[in-house]
Amino acid sequence: MRDEFADAFNKCWRQQTHLLSLITNNIALLKTFLLLGANLGDRVATLQRAVDLIWQYVGAIEQQSPLYETTPWGIIDQPAFLNQVIRVKTTLEPEVLLKQTQAIEQDLGRIRKEKWGARVIDIDILYYDQLISSSSTLTLPHPYLHQRRFTLVPLADVAPDFVHPLLHKTTLELLAACTDEGVVSRWKTTT
């Protein structure tokens, strides 16, 4: 799958020039999808605070998935996560968006200790419109999104027909093909 990803990336690279020009010149409000996750502290309050800060510093939130409680991925000996996907319109360039989301994570108390470890908050950029890009700090679309049920289930609530620009499959098609056996349950809030 990694070779397919690399081949598709190389094939599509030239098609990105126009989109990058729009981003650089802040001509367009572009659609981005963010995955929020938390498994330490008051998870619901942290996710709500993250949404508020994203609205304030990133862009207008157009849609939010319900919250889902999910089993950890990567390192499984840790508390369950709450996850949510949001769709945001932004004028921020991808690297600036990454820095802004990392600043929000830091403001909310995230300390980066170990990859895939427990965290107060995690904000991943899944898609930046149809942009295909790779740098030392950011790969778009997110390289693991099609392998993670905890990502695809809430993404399907927000963008079931969004087509992955490299894999050329909709979110629902990616979800149907996903072999991840992690448990993803809709969060029931008490009122």
N, C-alpha and C. Protein backbone atom coordinates (compact mmCIF):
# COMPACT_ATOMS: atom_id res chain seq x y z
N MET A 1 0.83 -1.19 0.00
CA MET A 1 0.00 0.00 0.00
C MET A 1 0.87 1.26 0.00
N ARG A 2 2.03 1.18 0.67
CA ARG A 2 2.92 2.34 0.73
C ARG A 2 3.43 2.70 -0.66
N ASP A 3 3.75 1.68 -1.51
CA ASP A 3 4.21 1.96 -2.87
C ASP A 3 3.12 2.61 -3.70
N GLU A 4 1.87 2.14 -3.54
CA GLU A 4 0.74 2.76 -4.24
C GLU A 4 0.63 4.23 -3.86
N PHE A 5 0.77 4.50 -2.57
CA PHE A 5 0.69 5.86 -2.06
C PHE A 5 1.78 6.71 -2.69
N ALA A 6 3.01 6.20 -2.72
CA ALA A 6 4.14 6.96 -3.29
C ALA A 6 3.95 7.19 -4.79
N ASP A 7 3.51 6.16 -5.51
CA ASP A 7 3.28 6.29 -6.95
C ASP A 7 2.21 7.33 -7.24
N ALA A 8 1.11 7.24 -6.52
CA ALA A 8 0.02 8.19 -6.73
C ALA A 8 0.46 9.60 -6.37
N PHE A 9 1.25 9.72 -5.31
CA PHE A 9 1.76 11.03 -4.91
C PHE A 9 2.59 11.64 -6.04
N ASN A 10 3.52 10.87 -6.57
CA ASN A 10 4.38 11.38 -7.64
C ASN A 10 3.58 11.73 -8.88
N LYS A 11 2.57 10.94 -9.19
CA LYS A 11 1.74 11.16 -10.37
C LYS A 11 0.94 12.46 -10.25
N CYS A 12 0.48 12.75 -9.06
CA CYS A 12 -0.40 13.91 -8.87
C CYS A 12 0.34 15.20 -8.54
N TRP A 13 1.64 15.14 -8.32
CA TRP A 13 2.38 16.31 -7.84
C TRP A 13 2.19 17.53 -8.72
N ARG A 14 2.27 17.38 -10.03
CA ARG A 14 2.16 18.53 -10.93
C ARG A 14 0.78 19.16 -10.90
N GLN A 15 -0.24 18.38 -10.57
CA GLN A 15 -1.60 18.91 -10.54
C GLN A 15 -1.82 19.85 -9.36
N GLN A 16 -0.88 19.90 -8.45
CA GLN A 16 -1.06 20.67 -7.22
C GLN A 16 -0.63 22.13 -7.35
N THR A 17 0.04 22.49 -8.42
CA THR A 17 0.58 23.84 -8.57
C THR A 17 -0.49 24.91 -8.43
N HIS A 18 -1.61 24.74 -9.10
CA HIS A 18 -2.67 25.73 -9.05
C HIS A 18 -3.24 25.86 -7.63
N LEU A 19 -3.49 24.73 -6.98
CA LEU A 19 -4.04 24.75 -5.63
C LEU A 19 -3.07 25.43 -4.67
N LEU A 20 -1.79 25.12 -4.78
CA LEU A 20 -0.80 25.77 -3.91
C LEU A 20 -0.75 27.27 -4.16
N SER A 21 -0.92 27.69 -5.39
CA SER A 21 -0.96 29.11 -5.71
C SER A 21 -2.14 29.78 -5.01
N LEU A 22 -3.29 29.14 -5.04
CA LEU A 22 -4.46 29.69 -4.35
C LEU A 22 -4.21 29.81 -2.85
N ILE A 23 -3.61 28.76 -2.28
CA ILE A 23 -3.34 28.76 -0.85
C ILE A 23 -2.36 29.87 -0.50
N THR A 24 -1.27 29.95 -1.23
CA THR A 24 -0.23 30.93 -0.96
C THR A 24 -0.76 32.35 -1.03
N ASN A 25 -1.64 32.60 -1.97
CA ASN A 25 -2.18 33.94 -2.16
C ASN A 25 -3.46 34.19 -1.36
N ASN A 26 -3.84 33.23 -0.52
CA ASN A 26 -5.05 33.36 0.31
C ASN A 26 -6.26 33.79 -0.51
N ILE A 27 -6.38 33.26 -1.71
CA ILE A 27 -7.51 33.61 -2.57
C ILE A 27 -8.76 32.84 -2.17
N ALA A 28 -8.59 31.64 -1.70
CA ALA A 28 -9.75 30.78 -1.46
C ALA A 28 -9.83 30.36 0.00
N LEU A 29 -11.07 30.17 0.45
CA LEU A 29 -11.31 29.49 1.71
C LEU A 29 -11.33 28.01 1.37
N LEU A 30 -10.42 27.26 1.95
CA LEU A 30 -10.30 25.86 1.60
C LEU A 30 -10.84 24.97 2.70
N LYS A 31 -11.37 23.84 2.28
CA LYS A 31 -11.99 22.88 3.18
C LYS A 31 -10.91 21.95 3.73
N THR A 32 -10.85 21.86 5.05
CA THR A 32 -9.93 20.94 5.69
C THR A 32 -10.70 20.09 6.68
N PHE A 33 -10.24 18.88 6.88
CA PHE A 33 -10.86 17.96 7.83
C PHE A 33 -9.84 17.66 8.92
N LEU A 34 -10.25 17.87 10.16
CA LEU A 34 -9.38 17.64 11.31
C LEU A 34 -9.96 16.53 12.17
N LEU A 35 -9.09 15.66 12.67
CA LEU A 35 -9.48 14.64 13.64
C LEU A 35 -9.02 15.09 15.01
N LEU A 36 -9.95 15.15 15.95
CA LEU A 36 -9.64 15.50 17.32
C LEU A 36 -9.70 14.23 18.17
N GLY A 37 -8.78 14.09 19.10
CA GLY A 37 -8.78 12.94 19.99
C GLY A 37 -8.27 13.31 21.36
N ALA A 38 -8.82 12.65 22.39
CA ALA A 38 -8.37 12.88 23.77
C ALA A 38 -8.61 11.61 24.58
N ASN A 39 -7.64 11.25 25.42
CA ASN A 39 -7.87 10.10 26.31
C ASN A 39 -7.36 10.34 27.73
N LEU A 40 -7.07 11.57 28.08
CA LEU A 40 -6.68 11.92 29.44
C LEU A 40 -7.52 13.09 29.92
N GLY A 41 -7.78 13.14 31.22
CA GLY A 41 -8.52 14.26 31.79
C GLY A 41 -9.99 14.24 31.40
N ASP A 42 -10.61 15.42 31.43
CA ASP A 42 -12.02 15.57 31.04
C ASP A 42 -12.07 15.64 29.52
N ARG A 43 -12.23 14.50 28.90
CA ARG A 43 -12.13 14.39 27.45
C ARG A 43 -13.16 15.26 26.72
N VAL A 44 -14.39 15.25 27.19
CA VAL A 44 -15.45 16.01 26.52
C VAL A 44 -15.14 17.51 26.60
N ALA A 45 -14.79 17.99 27.78
CA ALA A 45 -14.48 19.42 27.94
C ALA A 45 -13.27 19.82 27.10
N THR A 46 -12.27 18.96 27.04
CA THR A 46 -11.08 19.26 26.25
C THR A 46 -11.41 19.35 24.77
N LEU A 47 -12.21 18.41 24.28
CA LEU A 47 -12.59 18.45 22.86
C LEU A 47 -13.40 19.71 22.55
N GLN A 48 -14.30 20.08 23.46
CA GLN A 48 -15.10 21.29 23.23
C GLN A 48 -14.21 22.53 23.22
N ARG A 49 -13.25 22.57 24.12
CA ARG A 49 -12.32 23.71 24.16
C ARG A 49 -11.48 23.75 22.88
N ALA A 50 -11.06 22.58 22.39
CA ALA A 50 -10.30 22.53 21.14
C ALA A 50 -11.14 23.07 19.99
N VAL A 51 -12.41 22.68 19.93
CA VAL A 51 -13.30 23.18 18.88
C VAL A 51 -13.41 24.70 18.96
N ASP A 52 -13.57 25.22 20.17
CA ASP A 52 -13.66 26.68 20.34
C ASP A 52 -12.39 27.38 19.85
N LEU A 53 -11.23 26.82 20.19
CA LEU A 53 -9.96 27.44 19.77
C LEU A 53 -9.74 27.31 18.27
N ILE A 54 -10.17 26.20 17.69
CA ILE A 54 -10.06 26.05 16.23
C ILE A 54 -10.92 27.10 15.54
N TRP A 55 -12.14 27.29 16.05
CA TRP A 55 -13.01 28.32 15.48
C TRP A 55 -12.34 29.69 15.56
N GLN A 56 -11.69 29.96 16.68
CA GLN A 56 -11.07 31.27 16.91
C GLN A 56 -9.80 31.48 16.09
N TYR A 57 -8.97 30.46 15.95
CA TYR A 57 -7.64 30.65 15.36
C TYR A 57 -7.40 29.97 14.01
N VAL A 58 -8.32 29.10 13.58
CA VAL A 58 -8.11 28.36 12.33
C VAL A 58 -9.11 28.75 11.27
N GLY A 59 -10.39 28.72 11.61
CA GLY A 59 -11.42 29.05 10.63
C GLY A 59 -12.79 28.61 11.08
N ALA A 60 -13.76 28.87 10.22
CA ALA A 60 -15.16 28.56 10.53
C ALA A 60 -15.40 27.06 10.46
N ILE A 61 -15.98 26.54 11.52
CA ILE A 61 -16.32 25.12 11.56
C ILE A 61 -17.66 24.94 10.87
N GLU A 62 -17.65 24.16 9.81
CA GLU A 62 -18.86 23.93 9.02
C GLU A 62 -19.66 22.73 9.50
N GLN A 63 -18.98 21.74 10.04
CA GLN A 63 -19.69 20.53 10.46
C GLN A 63 -18.84 19.78 11.47
N GLN A 64 -19.52 19.10 12.41
CA GLN A 64 -18.85 18.29 13.42
C GLN A 64 -19.51 16.92 13.45
N SER A 65 -18.72 15.88 13.56
CA SER A 65 -19.27 14.54 13.76
C SER A 65 -19.69 14.40 15.22
N PRO A 66 -20.48 13.39 15.51
CA PRO A 66 -20.70 13.06 16.92
C PRO A 66 -19.37 12.62 17.55
N LEU A 67 -19.34 12.53 18.86
CA LEU A 67 -18.18 11.98 19.56
C LEU A 67 -18.25 10.46 19.53
N TYR A 68 -17.09 9.84 19.42
CA TYR A 68 -16.99 8.38 19.45
C TYR A 68 -15.96 7.97 20.47
N GLU A 69 -16.28 6.94 21.26
CA GLU A 69 -15.28 6.36 22.14
C GLU A 69 -14.60 5.24 21.37
N THR A 70 -13.27 5.24 21.39
CA THR A 70 -12.52 4.32 20.54
C THR A 70 -11.38 3.67 21.31
N THR A 71 -11.06 2.46 20.90
CA THR A 71 -9.92 1.79 21.50
C THR A 71 -8.63 2.42 20.97
N PRO A 72 -7.58 2.44 21.78
CA PRO A 72 -6.32 3.02 21.32
C PRO A 72 -5.75 2.27 20.12
N TRP A 73 -4.96 2.97 19.34
CA TRP A 73 -4.32 2.42 18.14
C TRP A 73 -2.83 2.62 18.29
N GLY A 74 -2.06 1.62 17.98
CA GLY A 74 -0.60 1.73 18.11
C GLY A 74 -0.15 1.18 19.45
N ILE A 75 -0.34 1.94 20.50
CA ILE A 75 -0.06 1.49 21.87
C ILE A 75 -1.42 1.25 22.52
N ILE A 76 -1.74 -0.01 22.79
CA ILE A 76 -3.11 -0.32 23.24
C ILE A 76 -3.29 -0.27 24.75
N ASP A 77 -2.21 -0.27 25.52
CA ASP A 77 -2.31 -0.25 26.98
C ASP A 77 -2.41 1.19 27.48
N GLN A 78 -3.57 1.79 27.25
CA GLN A 78 -3.85 3.16 27.67
C GLN A 78 -5.36 3.35 27.66
N PRO A 79 -5.86 4.44 28.26
CA PRO A 79 -7.31 4.66 28.31
C PRO A 79 -7.92 4.84 26.92
N ALA A 80 -9.23 4.59 26.84
CA ALA A 80 -9.97 4.78 25.59
C ALA A 80 -9.97 6.26 25.20
N PHE A 81 -10.05 6.50 23.91
CA PHE A 81 -10.10 7.85 23.37
C PHE A 81 -11.54 8.28 23.11
N LEU A 82 -11.75 9.58 23.11
CA LEU A 82 -12.91 10.17 22.46
C LEU A 82 -12.38 10.83 21.20
N ASN A 83 -13.04 10.57 20.08
CA ASN A 83 -12.63 11.14 18.80
C ASN A 83 -13.79 11.85 18.12
N GLN A 84 -13.43 12.81 17.31
CA GLN A 84 -14.41 13.59 16.55
C GLN A 84 -13.71 14.15 15.32
N VAL A 85 -14.45 14.24 14.21
CA VAL A 85 -13.94 14.89 13.00
C VAL A 85 -14.72 16.18 12.80
N ILE A 86 -14.00 17.23 12.43
CA ILE A 86 -14.65 18.50 12.10
C ILE A 86 -14.20 18.95 10.72
N ARG A 87 -15.12 19.62 10.03
CA ARG A 87 -14.80 20.22 8.73
C ARG A 87 -14.70 21.72 8.93
N VAL A 88 -13.57 22.28 8.51
CA VAL A 88 -13.27 23.69 8.74
C VAL A 88 -12.92 24.36 7.42
N LYS A 89 -13.41 25.59 7.24
CA LYS A 89 -12.98 26.43 6.11
C LYS A 89 -11.88 27.34 6.64
N THR A 90 -10.75 27.37 5.94
CA THR A 90 -9.62 28.15 6.41
C THR A 90 -8.88 28.80 5.24
N THR A 91 -8.17 29.86 5.56
CA THR A 91 -7.25 30.47 4.59
C THR A 91 -5.80 30.18 4.96
N LEU A 92 -5.59 29.50 6.08
CA LEU A 92 -4.23 29.20 6.51
C LEU A 92 -3.57 28.21 5.56
N GLU A 93 -2.31 28.45 5.26
CA GLU A 93 -1.53 27.51 4.47
C GLU A 93 -1.33 26.24 5.30
N PRO A 94 -1.09 25.09 4.67
CA PRO A 94 -0.99 23.83 5.41
C PRO A 94 0.01 23.85 6.57
N GLU A 95 1.22 24.34 6.34
CA GLU A 95 2.22 24.35 7.41
C GLU A 95 1.82 25.31 8.55
N VAL A 96 1.18 26.41 8.20
CA VAL A 96 0.69 27.35 9.22
C VAL A 96 -0.45 26.69 10.00
N LEU A 97 -1.32 25.99 9.30
CA LEU A 97 -2.40 25.25 9.95
C LEU A 97 -1.83 24.24 10.94
N LEU A 98 -0.80 23.52 10.53
CA LEU A 98 -0.16 22.56 11.43
C LEU A 98 0.38 23.25 12.67
N LYS A 99 1.09 24.35 12.49
CA LYS A 99 1.64 25.08 13.64
C LYS A 99 0.53 25.59 14.55
N GLN A 100 -0.56 26.04 13.96
CA GLN A 100 -1.68 26.55 14.76
C GLN A 100 -2.34 25.42 15.56
N THR A 101 -2.53 24.26 14.94
CA THR A 101 -3.14 23.14 15.67
C THR A 101 -2.20 22.64 16.77
N GLN A 102 -0.90 22.66 16.52
CA GLN A 102 0.05 22.26 17.55
C GLN A 102 0.06 23.27 18.70
N ALA A 103 -0.10 24.55 18.40
CA ALA A 103 -0.19 25.57 19.45
C ALA A 103 -1.44 25.36 20.30
N ILE A 104 -2.54 25.00 19.65
CA ILE A 104 -3.78 24.71 20.39
C ILE A 104 -3.57 23.50 21.29
N GLU A 105 -2.93 22.45 20.77
CA GLU A 105 -2.63 21.28 21.59
C GLU A 105 -1.81 21.68 22.82
N GLN A 106 -0.80 22.49 22.60
CA GLN A 106 0.06 22.91 23.71
C GLN A 106 -0.73 23.75 24.72
N ASP A 107 -1.57 24.65 24.23
CA ASP A 107 -2.40 25.47 25.13
C ASP A 107 -3.31 24.61 26.00
N LEU A 108 -3.74 23.47 25.46
CA LEU A 108 -4.64 22.58 26.20
C LEU A 108 -3.89 21.57 27.06
N GLY A 109 -2.56 21.67 27.09
CA GLY A 109 -1.78 20.84 28.01
C GLY A 109 -1.10 19.63 27.41
N ARG A 110 -1.07 19.53 26.10
CA ARG A 110 -0.42 18.36 25.50
C ARG A 110 1.09 18.44 25.69
N ILE A 111 1.65 17.32 26.12
CA ILE A 111 3.09 17.16 26.21
C ILE A 111 3.44 15.96 25.33
N ARG A 112 4.28 16.19 24.34
CA ARG A 112 4.64 15.11 23.40
C ARG A 112 5.71 14.23 24.04
N LYS A 113 5.30 13.00 24.40
CA LYS A 113 6.23 12.06 25.03
C LYS A 113 6.54 10.89 24.12
N GLU A 114 5.51 10.17 23.71
CA GLU A 114 5.75 9.01 22.86
C GLU A 114 4.71 8.95 21.75
N LYS A 115 5.16 8.49 20.59
CA LYS A 115 4.27 8.35 19.44
C LYS A 115 3.14 7.39 19.81
N TRP A 116 1.92 7.80 19.50
CA TRP A 116 0.70 7.03 19.73
C TRP A 116 0.41 6.79 21.21
N GLY A 117 1.05 7.55 22.09
CA GLY A 117 0.80 7.40 23.52
C GLY A 117 -0.42 8.20 23.96
N ALA A 118 -0.72 8.10 25.26
CA ALA A 118 -1.85 8.83 25.84
C ALA A 118 -1.60 10.33 25.71
N ARG A 119 -2.70 11.07 25.54
CA ARG A 119 -2.57 12.52 25.40
C ARG A 119 -3.84 13.23 25.81
N VAL A 120 -3.66 14.44 26.31
CA VAL A 120 -4.78 15.29 26.68
C VAL A 120 -5.57 15.66 25.43
N ILE A 121 -4.87 15.96 24.34
CA ILE A 121 -5.52 16.34 23.07
C ILE A 121 -4.59 15.98 21.92
N ASP A 122 -5.19 15.61 20.82
CA ASP A 122 -4.46 15.36 19.59
C ASP A 122 -5.30 15.93 18.45
N ILE A 123 -4.68 16.69 17.58
CA ILE A 123 -5.37 17.25 16.42
C ILE A 123 -4.57 16.86 15.18
N ASP A 124 -5.19 16.03 14.34
CA ASP A 124 -4.55 15.59 13.10
C ASP A 124 -5.23 16.24 11.91
N ILE A 125 -4.44 16.67 10.94
CA ILE A 125 -4.98 17.18 9.68
C ILE A 125 -5.15 15.97 8.77
N LEU A 126 -6.40 15.64 8.44
CA LEU A 126 -6.68 14.49 7.59
C LEU A 126 -6.56 14.86 6.12
N TYR A 127 -7.28 15.89 5.73
CA TYR A 127 -7.27 16.39 4.35
C TYR A 127 -7.15 17.90 4.39
N TYR A 128 -6.50 18.45 3.39
CA TYR A 128 -6.51 19.89 3.16
C TYR A 128 -7.03 20.05 1.74
N ASP A 129 -8.36 20.13 1.63
CA ASP A 129 -9.05 20.11 0.35
C ASP A 129 -8.56 18.89 -0.41
N GLN A 130 -8.15 19.04 -1.64
CA GLN A 130 -7.63 17.90 -2.42
C GLN A 130 -6.10 17.94 -2.53
N LEU A 131 -5.46 18.71 -1.66
CA LEU A 131 -4.01 18.87 -1.73
C LEU A 131 -3.28 17.57 -1.42
N ILE A 132 -2.28 17.30 -2.23
CA ILE A 132 -1.35 16.20 -2.01
C ILE A 132 0.00 16.84 -1.78
N SER A 133 0.59 16.57 -0.62
CA SER A 133 1.81 17.27 -0.24
C SER A 133 2.59 16.43 0.76
N SER A 134 3.89 16.60 0.76
CA SER A 134 4.72 15.92 1.75
C SER A 134 5.92 16.79 2.08
N SER A 135 6.14 16.96 3.38
CA SER A 135 7.32 17.68 3.86
C SER A 135 7.85 16.91 5.06
N SER A 136 8.88 17.43 5.67
CA SER A 136 9.44 16.75 6.85
C SER A 136 8.49 16.80 8.04
N THR A 137 7.52 17.72 8.01
CA THR A 137 6.61 17.87 9.15
C THR A 137 5.16 17.50 8.86
N LEU A 138 4.76 17.44 7.59
CA LEU A 138 3.35 17.23 7.27
C LEU A 138 3.19 16.48 5.96
N THR A 139 2.36 15.44 6.00
CA THR A 139 1.99 14.69 4.80
C THR A 139 0.49 14.78 4.63
N LEU A 140 0.06 15.18 3.43
CA LEU A 140 -1.36 15.31 3.12
C LEU A 140 -1.67 14.54 1.84
N PRO A 141 -2.78 13.80 1.85
CA PRO A 141 -3.64 13.53 2.99
C PRO A 141 -2.89 12.73 4.06
N HIS A 142 -3.49 12.66 5.25
CA HIS A 142 -2.87 11.94 6.36
C HIS A 142 -2.56 10.51 5.91
N PRO A 143 -1.33 10.06 6.09
CA PRO A 143 -0.93 8.77 5.52
C PRO A 143 -1.59 7.54 6.13
N TYR A 144 -2.17 7.64 7.33
CA TYR A 144 -2.78 6.48 7.97
C TYR A 144 -4.30 6.52 7.99
N LEU A 145 -4.91 7.57 7.48
CA LEU A 145 -6.36 7.72 7.69
C LEU A 145 -7.16 6.54 7.16
N HIS A 146 -6.75 5.96 6.05
CA HIS A 146 -7.50 4.84 5.46
C HIS A 146 -7.31 3.53 6.23
N GLN A 147 -6.40 3.50 7.20
CA GLN A 147 -6.13 2.30 7.98
C GLN A 147 -6.78 2.34 9.36
N ARG A 148 -7.43 3.42 9.71
CA ARG A 148 -7.90 3.63 11.08
C ARG A 148 -9.41 3.79 11.14
N ARG A 149 -10.06 2.83 11.74
CA ARG A 149 -11.51 2.88 11.89
C ARG A 149 -11.92 4.09 12.75
N PHE A 150 -11.12 4.42 13.77
CA PHE A 150 -11.47 5.55 14.64
C PHE A 150 -11.44 6.88 13.90
N THR A 151 -10.79 6.91 12.75
CA THR A 151 -10.78 8.09 11.89
C THR A 151 -11.92 8.04 10.88
N LEU A 152 -12.08 6.90 10.25
CA LEU A 152 -13.04 6.77 9.15
C LEU A 152 -14.50 6.84 9.59
N VAL A 153 -14.82 6.30 10.77
CA VAL A 153 -16.22 6.33 11.22
C VAL A 153 -16.71 7.77 11.41
N PRO A 154 -16.01 8.60 12.20
CA PRO A 154 -16.49 9.99 12.31
C PRO A 154 -16.34 10.79 11.02
N LEU A 155 -15.33 10.48 10.21
CA LEU A 155 -15.18 11.15 8.92
C LEU A 155 -16.37 10.84 8.01
N ALA A 156 -16.88 9.62 8.09
CA ALA A 156 -18.04 9.24 7.28
C ALA A 156 -19.29 10.02 7.67
N ASP A 157 -19.38 10.46 8.92
CA ASP A 157 -20.51 11.30 9.35
C ASP A 157 -20.46 12.67 8.69
N VAL A 158 -19.26 13.19 8.51
CA VAL A 158 -19.06 14.54 8.00
C VAL A 158 -18.89 14.58 6.48
N ALA A 159 -18.23 13.57 5.94
CA ALA A 159 -17.89 13.59 4.51
C ALA A 159 -17.94 12.18 3.90
N PRO A 160 -19.11 11.56 3.86
CA PRO A 160 -19.18 10.18 3.37
C PRO A 160 -18.75 10.01 1.92
N ASP A 161 -18.95 11.03 1.10
CA ASP A 161 -18.66 10.94 -0.32
C ASP A 161 -17.38 11.66 -0.73
N PHE A 162 -16.63 12.18 0.24
CA PHE A 162 -15.37 12.85 -0.08
C PHE A 162 -14.40 11.82 -0.64
N VAL A 163 -13.77 12.13 -1.76
CA VAL A 163 -12.88 11.19 -2.44
C VAL A 163 -11.42 11.46 -2.05
N HIS A 164 -10.77 10.43 -1.54
CA HIS A 164 -9.34 10.50 -1.20
C HIS A 164 -8.57 10.81 -2.49
N PRO A 165 -7.77 11.89 -2.51
CA PRO A 165 -7.13 12.31 -3.75
C PRO A 165 -6.05 11.36 -4.28
N LEU A 166 -5.56 10.46 -3.45
CA LEU A 166 -4.57 9.49 -3.91
C LEU A 166 -5.17 8.11 -4.16
N LEU A 167 -6.05 7.70 -3.27
CA LEU A 167 -6.62 6.35 -3.36
C LEU A 167 -7.87 6.31 -4.23
N HIS A 168 -8.43 7.48 -4.54
CA HIS A 168 -9.60 7.61 -5.41
C HIS A 168 -10.79 6.79 -4.93
N LYS A 169 -10.98 6.76 -3.62
CA LYS A 169 -12.12 6.09 -3.01
C LYS A 169 -12.79 7.05 -2.05
N THR A 170 -14.11 6.91 -1.91
CA THR A 170 -14.84 7.75 -0.97
C THR A 170 -14.56 7.27 0.45
N THR A 171 -14.94 8.10 1.41
CA THR A 171 -14.78 7.72 2.81
C THR A 171 -15.52 6.42 3.09
N LEU A 172 -16.74 6.29 2.58
CA LEU A 172 -17.50 5.06 2.81
C LEU A 172 -16.82 3.85 2.20
N GLU A 173 -16.22 4.01 1.04
CA GLU A 173 -15.48 2.89 0.42
C GLU A 173 -14.24 2.54 1.23
N LEU A 174 -13.54 3.55 1.73
CA LEU A 174 -12.37 3.29 2.57
C LEU A 174 -12.78 2.58 3.86
N LEU A 175 -13.89 3.01 4.45
CA LEU A 175 -14.38 2.38 5.68
C LEU A 175 -14.74 0.92 5.43
N ALA A 176 -15.41 0.64 4.32
CA ALA A 176 -15.80 -0.73 3.99
C ALA A 176 -14.58 -1.63 3.80
N ALA A 177 -13.48 -1.07 3.32
CA ALA A 177 -12.27 -1.85 3.06
C ALA A 177 -11.31 -1.89 4.26
N CYS A 178 -11.59 -1.11 5.29
CA CYS A 178 -10.68 -1.00 6.44
C CYS A 178 -10.65 -2.30 7.24
N THR A 179 -9.46 -2.80 7.51
CA THR A 179 -9.32 -4.05 8.26
C THR A 179 -9.04 -3.82 9.75
N ASP A 180 -8.95 -2.58 10.16
CA ASP A 180 -8.74 -2.24 11.57
C ASP A 180 -9.91 -2.79 12.39
N GLU A 181 -9.60 -3.54 13.44
CA GLU A 181 -10.64 -4.14 14.27
C GLU A 181 -10.92 -3.35 15.54
N GLY A 182 -10.38 -2.15 15.63
CA GLY A 182 -10.62 -1.33 16.81
C GLY A 182 -12.09 -1.02 16.99
N VAL A 183 -12.51 -0.95 18.25
CA VAL A 183 -13.91 -0.68 18.58
C VAL A 183 -14.16 0.82 18.52
N VAL A 184 -15.23 1.20 17.83
CA VAL A 184 -15.64 2.60 17.70
C VAL A 184 -17.12 2.65 18.06
N SER A 185 -17.43 3.29 19.20
CA SER A 185 -18.81 3.35 19.69
C SER A 185 -19.24 4.80 19.86
N ARG A 186 -20.44 5.09 19.38
CA ARG A 186 -20.95 6.46 19.55
C ARG A 186 -21.04 6.78 21.04
N TRP A 187 -20.53 7.94 21.43
CA TRP A 187 -20.49 8.37 22.82
C TRP A 187 -21.87 8.79 23.26
N LYS A 188 -22.31 8.23 24.36
CA LYS A 188 -23.61 8.60 24.91
C LYS A 188 -23.37 9.59 26.03
N THR A 189 -23.87 10.80 25.85
CA THR A 189 -23.73 11.81 26.90
C THR A 189 -24.93 11.74 27.82
N THR A 190 -24.72 12.08 29.07
CA THR A 190 -25.83 12.11 30.02
C THR A 190 -26.30 13.54 30.14
N THR A 191 -27.61 13.73 30.12
CA THR A 191 -28.15 15.08 30.23
C THR A 191 -29.03 15.21 31.43
